[in-house]
Amino acid sequence: MDERVILVAGGAGGIGAETSARLAAAGASIMVSDLDAARAEATADGIVARGGRAAGVACDITNPGQCDAAAQAAVDRF
């Protein structure tokens, strides 16, 4: 997974958070997206604390503009 950048929608809780953590542990850079920006950032902070690469972003996946912005945030960050 090294050099891969993955945007995980709904990544701040439950299955999404676990998926984010496992992908990061495998070497991917993770953009955690969620409706709740604070939870997305907290999840990303937890990944970083364990040695992974991650950032959080607010995103409503029903809004194409927000999806574009989240993808651009991942490109800009990683």
PDB file of N, CA and C in Angstrom:
ATOM      1  N   MET A   1       0.806  -1.200   0.000  1.00  0.00           N
ATOM      2  CA  MET A   1       0.000   0.000   0.000  1.00  0.00           C
ATOM      3  C   MET A   1       0.851   1.267   0.000  1.00  0.00           C
ATOM      4  N   ASP A   2       2.158   1.126   0.143  1.00  0.00           N
ATOM      5  CA  ASP A   2       3.005   2.319   0.143  1.00  0.00           C
ATOM      6  C   ASP A   2       2.742   3.151  -1.095  1.00  0.00           C
ATOM      7  N   GLU A   3       2.762   4.442  -0.920  1.00  0.00           N
ATOM      8  CA  GLU A   3       2.552   5.433  -1.970  1.00  0.00           C
ATOM      9  C   GLU A   3       1.110   5.507  -2.465  1.00  0.00           C
ATOM     10  N   ARG A   4       0.207   4.784  -1.863  1.00  0.00           N
ATOM     11  CA  ARG A   4      -1.212   4.889  -2.220  1.00  0.00           C
ATOM     12  C   ARG A   4      -1.870   5.928  -1.328  1.00  0.00           C
ATOM     13  N   VAL A   5      -2.779   6.675  -1.907  1.00  0.00           N
ATOM     14  CA  VAL A   5      -3.577   7.638  -1.159  1.00  0.00           C
ATOM     15  C   VAL A   5      -5.027   7.186  -1.272  1.00  0.00           C
ATOM     16  N   ILE A   6      -5.672   7.015  -0.131  1.00  0.00           N
ATOM     17  CA  ILE A   6      -7.036   6.498  -0.108  1.00  0.00           C
ATOM     18  C   ILE A   6      -7.929   7.453   0.670  1.00  0.00           C
ATOM     19  N   LEU A   7      -9.042   7.823   0.072  1.00  0.00           N
ATOM     20  CA  LEU A   7     -10.051   8.640   0.737  1.00  0.00           C
ATOM     21  C   LEU A   7     -11.132   7.690   1.237  1.00  0.00           C
ATOM     22  N   VAL A   8     -11.348   7.670   2.542  1.00  0.00           N
ATOM     23  CA  VAL A   8     -12.340   6.777   3.136  1.00  0.00           C
ATOM     24  C   VAL A   8     -13.562   7.596   3.532  1.00  0.00           C
ATOM     25  N   ALA A   9     -14.664   7.396   2.818  1.00  0.00           N
ATOM     26  CA  ALA A   9     -15.925   8.084   3.132  1.00  0.00           C
ATOM     27  C   ALA A   9     -16.543   7.434   4.362  1.00  0.00           C
ATOM     28  N   GLY A  10     -17.044   8.254   5.272  1.00  0.00           N
ATOM     29  CA  GLY A  10     -17.597   7.722   6.514  1.00  0.00           C
ATOM     30  C   GLY A  10     -16.515   7.108   7.384  1.00  0.00           C
ATOM     31  N   GLY A  11     -15.318   7.668   7.276  1.00  0.00           N
ATOM     32  CA  GLY A  11     -14.152   7.068   7.917  1.00  0.00           C
ATOM     33  C   GLY A  11     -13.947   7.390   9.376  1.00  0.00           C
ATOM     34  N   ALA A  12     -14.841   8.130   9.999  1.00  0.00           N
ATOM     35  CA  ALA A  12     -14.604   8.567  11.375  1.00  0.00           C
ATOM     36  C   ALA A  12     -15.196   7.650  12.433  1.00  0.00           C
ATOM     37  N   GLY A  13     -15.935   6.647  12.042  1.00  0.00           N
ATOM     38  CA  GLY A  13     -16.534   5.787  13.053  1.00  0.00           C
ATOM     39  C   GLY A  13     -16.777   4.384  12.538  1.00  0.00           C
ATOM     40  N   GLY A  14     -16.881   3.457  13.453  1.00  0.00           N
ATOM     41  CA  GLY A  14     -17.244   2.086  13.122  1.00  0.00           C
ATOM     42  C   GLY A  14     -16.339   1.438  12.091  1.00  0.00           C
ATOM     43  N   ILE A  15     -16.969   0.829  11.096  1.00  0.00           N
ATOM     44  CA  ILE A  15     -16.232   0.124  10.048  1.00  0.00           C
ATOM     45  C   ILE A  15     -15.304   1.072   9.295  1.00  0.00           C
ATOM     46  N   GLY A  16     -15.745   2.300   9.048  1.00  0.00           N
ATOM     47  CA  GLY A  16     -14.915   3.262   8.328  1.00  0.00           C
ATOM     48  C   GLY A  16     -13.638   3.596   9.071  1.00  0.00           C
ATOM     49  N   ALA A  17     -13.728   3.781  10.389  1.00  0.00           N
ATOM     50  CA  ALA A  17     -12.543   4.084  11.191  1.00  0.00           C
ATOM     51  C   ALA A  17     -11.587   2.898  11.215  1.00  0.00           C
ATOM     52  N   GLU A  18     -12.130   1.701  11.345  1.00  0.00           N
ATOM     53  CA  GLU A  18     -11.282   0.509  11.353  1.00  0.00           C
ATOM     54  C   GLU A  18     -10.628   0.302   9.992  1.00  0.00           C
ATOM     55  N   THR A  19     -11.381   0.533   8.921  1.00  0.00           N
ATOM     56  CA  THR A  19     -10.815   0.435   7.574  1.00  0.00           C
ATOM     57  C   THR A  19      -9.688   1.441   7.401  1.00  0.00           C
ATOM     58  N   SER A  20      -9.912   2.669   7.843  1.00  0.00           N
ATOM     59  CA  SER A  20      -8.882   3.705   7.758  1.00  0.00           C
ATOM     60  C   SER A  20      -7.622   3.278   8.498  1.00  0.00           C
ATOM     61  N   ALA A  21      -7.784   2.774   9.712  1.00  0.00           N
ATOM     62  CA  ALA A  21      -6.640   2.361  10.529  1.00  0.00           C
ATOM     63  C   ALA A  21      -5.875   1.210   9.886  1.00  0.00           C
ATOM     64  N   ARG A  22      -6.594   0.234   9.365  1.00  0.00           N
ATOM     65  CA  ARG A  22      -5.920  -0.927   8.763  1.00  0.00           C
ATOM     66  C   ARG A  22      -5.194  -0.564   7.471  1.00  0.00           C
ATOM     67  N   LEU A  23      -5.817   0.275   6.660  1.00  0.00           N
ATOM     68  CA  LEU A  23      -5.150   0.703   5.429  1.00  0.00           C
ATOM     69  C   LEU A  23      -3.904   1.521   5.746  1.00  0.00           C
ATOM     70  N   ALA A  24      -3.988   2.367   6.769  1.00  0.00           N
ATOM     71  CA  ALA A  24      -2.819   3.150   7.181  1.00  0.00           C
ATOM     72  C   ALA A  24      -1.719   2.236   7.708  1.00  0.00           C
ATOM     73  N   ALA A  25      -2.085   1.228   8.490  1.00  0.00           N
ATOM     74  CA  ALA A  25      -1.106   0.285   9.021  1.00  0.00           C
ATOM     75  C   ALA A  25      -0.410  -0.481   7.897  1.00  0.00           C
ATOM     76  N   ALA A  26      -1.114  -0.647   6.777  1.00  0.00           N
ATOM     77  CA  ALA A  26      -0.537  -1.328   5.617  1.00  0.00           C
ATOM     78  C   ALA A  26       0.321  -0.393   4.771  1.00  0.00           C
ATOM     79  N   GLY A  27       0.376   0.898   5.151  1.00  0.00           N
ATOM     80  CA  GLY A  27       1.270   1.830   4.476  1.00  0.00           C
ATOM     81  C   GLY A  27       0.625   2.901   3.630  1.00  0.00           C
ATOM     82  N   ALA A  28      -0.694   2.890   3.508  1.00  0.00           N
ATOM     83  CA  ALA A  28      -1.370   3.901   2.687  1.00  0.00           C
ATOM     84  C   ALA A  28      -1.492   5.224   3.445  1.00  0.00           C
ATOM     85  N   SER A  29      -1.570   6.308   2.700  1.00  0.00           N
ATOM     86  CA  SER A  29      -1.905   7.619   3.261  1.00  0.00           C
ATOM     87  C   SER A  29      -3.425   7.744   3.203  1.00  0.00           C
ATOM     88  N   ILE A  30      -4.031   8.138   4.312  1.00  0.00           N
ATOM     89  CA  ILE A  30      -5.484   8.118   4.425  1.00  0.00           C
ATOM     90  C   ILE A  30      -6.056   9.514   4.608  1.00  0.00           C
ATOM     91  N   MET A  31      -7.037   9.855   3.778  1.00  0.00           N
ATOM     92  CA  MET A  31      -7.845  11.048   3.992  1.00  0.00           C
ATOM     93  C   MET A  31      -9.161  10.550   4.572  1.00  0.00           C
ATOM     94  N   VAL A  32      -9.367  10.796   5.846  1.00  0.00           N
ATOM     95  CA  VAL A  32     -10.583  10.374   6.540  1.00  0.00           C
ATOM     96  C   VAL A  32     -11.651  11.428   6.282  1.00  0.00           C
ATOM     97  N   SER A  33     -12.733  11.048   5.628  1.00  0.00           N
ATOM     98  CA  SER A  33     -13.816  12.005   5.389  1.00  0.00           C
ATOM     99  C   SER A  33     -15.051  11.566   6.156  1.00  0.00           C
ATOM    100  N   ASP A  34     -15.780  12.556   6.646  1.00  0.00           N
ATOM    101  CA  ASP A  34     -16.984  12.280   7.415  1.00  0.00           C
ATOM    102  C   ASP A  34     -17.818  13.552   7.464  1.00  0.00           C
ATOM    103  N   LEU A  35     -19.099  13.416   7.734  1.00  0.00           N
ATOM    104  CA  LEU A  35     -19.947  14.596   7.920  1.00  0.00           C
ATOM    105  C   LEU A  35     -19.440  15.460   9.074  1.00  0.00           C
ATOM    106  N   ASP A  36     -18.895  14.815  10.091  1.00  0.00           N
ATOM    107  CA  ASP A  36     -18.408  15.488  11.295  1.00  0.00           C
ATOM    108  C   ASP A  36     -16.901  15.713  11.177  1.00  0.00           C
ATOM    109  N   ALA A  37     -16.509  16.945  10.894  1.00  0.00           N
ATOM    110  CA  ALA A  37     -15.090  17.273  10.691  1.00  0.00           C
ATOM    111  C   ALA A  37     -14.252  16.947  11.920  1.00  0.00           C
ATOM    112  N   ALA A  38     -14.761  17.244  13.103  1.00  0.00           N
ATOM    113  CA  ALA A  38     -13.990  17.002  14.325  1.00  0.00           C
ATOM    114  C   ALA A  38     -13.712  15.513  14.517  1.00  0.00           C
ATOM    115  N   ARG A  39     -14.696  14.675  14.228  1.00  0.00           N
ATOM    116  CA  ARG A  39     -14.490  13.218  14.339  1.00  0.00           C
ATOM    117  C   ARG A  39     -13.523  12.721  13.281  1.00  0.00           C
ATOM    118  N   ALA A  40     -13.612  13.270  12.069  1.00  0.00           N
ATOM    119  CA  ALA A  40     -12.679  12.876  11.009  1.00  0.00           C
ATOM    120  C   ALA A  40     -11.247  13.224  11.409  1.00  0.00           C
ATOM    121  N   GLU A  41     -11.065  14.422  11.932  1.00  0.00           N
ATOM    122  CA  GLU A  41      -9.732  14.847  12.354  1.00  0.00           C
ATOM    123  C   GLU A  41      -9.237  14.025  13.539  1.00  0.00           C
ATOM    124  N   ALA A  42     -10.122  13.694  14.477  1.00  0.00           N
ATOM    125  CA  ALA A  42      -9.726  12.880  15.629  1.00  0.00           C
ATOM    126  C   ALA A  42      -9.303  11.480  15.192  1.00  0.00           C
ATOM    127  N   THR A  43     -10.026  10.907  14.245  1.00  0.00           N
ATOM    128  CA  THR A  43      -9.659   9.593  13.723  1.00  0.00           C
ATOM    129  C   THR A  43      -8.304   9.662  13.040  1.00  0.00           C
ATOM    130  N   ALA A  44      -8.100  10.698  12.227  1.00  0.00           N
ATOM    131  CA  ALA A  44      -6.810  10.880  11.558  1.00  0.00           C
ATOM    132  C   ALA A  44      -5.692  11.078  12.576  1.00  0.00           C
ATOM    133  N   ASP A  45      -5.947  11.857  13.617  1.00  0.00           N
ATOM    134  CA  ASP A  45      -4.941  12.075  14.663  1.00  0.00           C
ATOM    135  C   ASP A  45      -4.550  10.761  15.327  1.00  0.00           C
ATOM    136  N   GLY A  46      -5.516   9.880  15.541  1.00  0.00           N
ATOM    137  CA  GLY A  46      -5.227   8.572  16.123  1.00  0.00           C
ATOM    138  C   GLY A  46      -4.341   7.735  15.223  1.00  0.00           C
ATOM    139  N   ILE A  47      -4.578   7.804  13.931  1.00  0.00           N
ATOM    140  CA  ILE A  47      -3.747   7.076  12.970  1.00  0.00           C
ATOM    141  C   ILE A  47      -2.328   7.620  12.994  1.00  0.00           C
ATOM    142  N   VAL A  48      -2.203   8.939  12.997  1.00  0.00           N
ATOM    143  CA  VAL A  48      -0.877   9.574  13.030  1.00  0.00           C
ATOM    144  C   VAL A  48      -0.147   9.209  14.321  1.00  0.00           C
ATOM    145  N   ALA A  49      -0.862   9.170  15.433  1.00  0.00           N
ATOM    146  CA  ALA A  49      -0.251   8.818  16.718  1.00  0.00           C
ATOM    147  C   ALA A  49       0.323   7.406  16.704  1.00  0.00           C
ATOM    148  N   ARG A  50      -0.235   6.541  15.858  1.00  0.00           N
ATOM    149  CA  ARG A  50       0.259   5.168  15.730  1.00  0.00           C
ATOM    150  C   ARG A  50       1.282   5.031  14.605  1.00  0.00           C
ATOM    151  N   GLY A  51       1.734   6.171  14.073  1.00  0.00           N
ATOM    152  CA  GLY A  51       2.788   6.142  13.064  1.00  0.00           C
ATOM    153  C   GLY A  51       2.315   6.170  11.629  1.00  0.00           C
ATOM    154  N   GLY A  52       1.021   6.315  11.403  1.00  0.00           N
ATOM    155  CA  GLY A  52       0.496   6.355  10.041  1.00  0.00           C
ATOM    156  C   GLY A  52       0.446   7.765   9.488  1.00  0.00           C
ATOM    157  N   ARG A  53       0.061   7.856   8.237  1.00  0.00           N
ATOM    158  CA  ARG A  53      -0.123   9.147   7.565  1.00  0.00           C
ATOM    159  C   ARG A  53      -1.614   9.325   7.312  1.00  0.00           C
ATOM    160  N   ALA A  54      -2.177  10.397   7.863  1.00  0.00           N
ATOM    161  CA  ALA A  54      -3.619  10.616   7.721  1.00  0.00           C
ATOM    162  C   ALA A  54      -3.963  12.071   7.979  1.00  0.00           C
ATOM    163  N   ALA A  55      -5.082  12.467   7.429  1.00  0.00           N
ATOM    164  CA  ALA A  55      -5.670  13.780   7.680  1.00  0.00           C
ATOM    165  C   ALA A  55      -7.180  13.603   7.618  1.00  0.00           C
ATOM    166  N   GLY A  56      -7.898  14.551   8.200  1.00  0.00           N
ATOM    167  CA  GLY A  56      -9.350  14.482   8.208  1.00  0.00           C
ATOM    168  C   GLY A  56      -9.968  15.647   7.469  1.00  0.00           C
ATOM    169  N   VAL A  57     -11.140  15.396   6.901  1.00  0.00           N
ATOM    170  CA  VAL A  57     -11.851  16.434   6.154  1.00  0.00           C
ATOM    171  C   VAL A  57     -13.358  16.196   6.284  1.00  0.00           C
ATOM    172  N   ALA A  58     -14.110  17.283   6.357  1.00  0.00           N
ATOM    173  CA  ALA A  58     -15.568  17.170   6.358  1.00  0.00           C
ATOM    174  C   ALA A  58     -16.046  16.944   4.933  1.00  0.00           C
ATOM    175  N   CYS A  59     -16.994  16.022   4.767  1.00  0.00           N
ATOM    176  CA  CYS A  59     -17.526  15.760   3.431  1.00  0.00           C
ATOM    177  C   CYS A  59     -18.885  15.081   3.532  1.00  0.00           C
ATOM    178  N   ASP A  60     -19.845  15.641   2.822  1.00  0.00           N
ATOM    179  CA  ASP A  60     -21.159  15.025   2.642  1.00  0.00           C
ATOM    180  C   ASP A  60     -21.121  14.390   1.259  1.00  0.00           C
ATOM    181  N   ILE A  61     -21.077  13.059   1.202  1.00  0.00           N
ATOM    182  CA  ILE A  61     -20.889  12.395  -0.091  1.00  0.00           C
ATOM    183  C   ILE A  61     -22.077  12.554  -1.033  1.00  0.00           C
ATOM    184  N   THR A  62     -23.175  13.123  -0.561  1.00  0.00           N
ATOM    185  CA  THR A  62     -24.292  13.412  -1.461  1.00  0.00           C
ATOM    186  C   THR A  62     -24.115  14.754  -2.165  1.00  0.00           C
ATOM    187  N   ASN A  63     -23.048  15.474  -1.829  1.00  0.00           N
ATOM    188  CA  ASN A  63     -22.769  16.785  -2.411  1.00  0.00           C
ATOM    189  C   ASN A  63     -21.532  16.684  -3.301  1.00  0.00           C
ATOM    190  N   PRO A  64     -21.699  16.698  -4.633  1.00  0.00           N
ATOM    191  CA  PRO A  64     -20.559  16.544  -5.535  1.00  0.00           C
ATOM    192  C   PRO A  64     -19.440  17.563  -5.297  1.00  0.00           C
ATOM    193  N   GLY A  65     -19.795  18.783  -4.964  1.00  0.00           N
ATOM    194  CA  GLY A  65     -18.775  19.798  -4.711  1.00  0.00           C
ATOM    195  C   GLY A  65     -17.912  19.456  -3.508  1.00  0.00           C
ATOM    196  N   GLN A  66     -18.542  18.932  -2.464  1.00  0.00           N
ATOM    197  CA  GLN A  66     -17.780  18.535  -1.283  1.00  0.00           C
ATOM    198  C   GLN A  66     -16.902  17.322  -1.576  1.00  0.00           C
ATOM    199  N   CYS A  67     -17.385  16.423  -2.413  1.00  0.00           N
ATOM    200  CA  CYS A  67     -16.568  15.266  -2.806  1.00  0.00           C
ATOM    201  C   CYS A  67     -15.338  15.720  -3.578  1.00  0.00           C
ATOM    202  N   ASP A  68     -15.534  16.647  -4.502  1.00  0.00           N
ATOM    203  CA  ASP A  68     -14.400  17.198  -5.254  1.00  0.00           C
ATOM    204  C   ASP A  68     -13.408  17.866  -4.318  1.00  0.00           C
ATOM    205  N   ALA A  69     -13.916  18.627  -3.349  1.00  0.00           N
ATOM    206  CA  ALA A  69     -13.044  19.323  -2.403  1.00  0.00           C
ATOM    207  C   ALA A  69     -12.273  18.333  -1.530  1.00  0.00           C
ATOM    208  N   ALA A  70     -12.917  17.256  -1.111  1.00  0.00           N
ATOM    209  CA  ALA A  70     -12.237  16.248  -0.294  1.00  0.00           C
ATOM    210  C   ALA A  70     -11.137  15.562  -1.093  1.00  0.00           C
ATOM    211  N   ALA A  71     -11.424  15.235  -2.346  1.00  0.00           N
ATOM    212  CA  ALA A  71     -10.407  14.621  -3.201  1.00  0.00           C
ATOM    213  C   ALA A  71      -9.235  15.576  -3.411  1.00  0.00           C
ATOM    214  N   GLN A  72      -9.530  16.846  -3.627  1.00  0.00           N
ATOM    215  CA  GLN A  72      -8.460  17.827  -3.814  1.00  0.00           C
ATOM    216  C   GLN A  72      -7.640  17.984  -2.535  1.00  0.00           C
ATOM    217  N   ALA A  73      -8.299  17.923  -1.383  1.00  0.00           N
ATOM    218  CA  ALA A  73      -7.581  18.003  -0.109  1.00  0.00           C
ATOM    219  C   ALA A  73      -6.601  16.843   0.029  1.00  0.00           C
ATOM    220  N   ALA A  74      -7.011  15.655  -0.419  1.00  0.00           N
ATOM    221  CA  ALA A  74      -6.115  14.496  -0.377  1.00  0.00           C
ATOM    222  C   ALA A  74      -4.925  14.699  -1.304  1.00  0.00           C
ATOM    223  N   VAL A  75      -5.178  15.207  -2.504  1.00  0.00           N
ATOM    224  CA  VAL A  75      -4.091  15.473  -3.461  1.00  0.00           C
ATOM    225  C   VAL A  75      -3.127  16.501  -2.883  1.00  0.00           C
ATOM    226  N   ASP A  76      -3.672  17.567  -2.319  1.00  0.00           N
ATOM    227  CA  ASP A  76      -2.834  18.630  -1.760  1.00  0.00           C
ATOM    228  C   ASP A  76      -2.017  18.145  -0.565  1.00  0.00           C
ATOM    229  N   ARG A  77      -2.612  17.312   0.263  1.00  0.00           N
ATOM    230  CA  ARG A  77      -1.956  16.868   1.509  1.00  0.00           C
ATOM    231  C   ARG A  77      -0.900  15.808   1.266  1.00  0.00           C
ATOM    232  N   PHE A  78      -1.190  14.882   0.348  1.00  0.00           N
ATOM    233  CA  PHE A  78      -0.294  13.747   0.163  1.00  0.00           C
ATOM    234  C   PHE A  78       0.374  13.741  -1.196  1.00  0.00           C
TER     235      PHE A  78
END
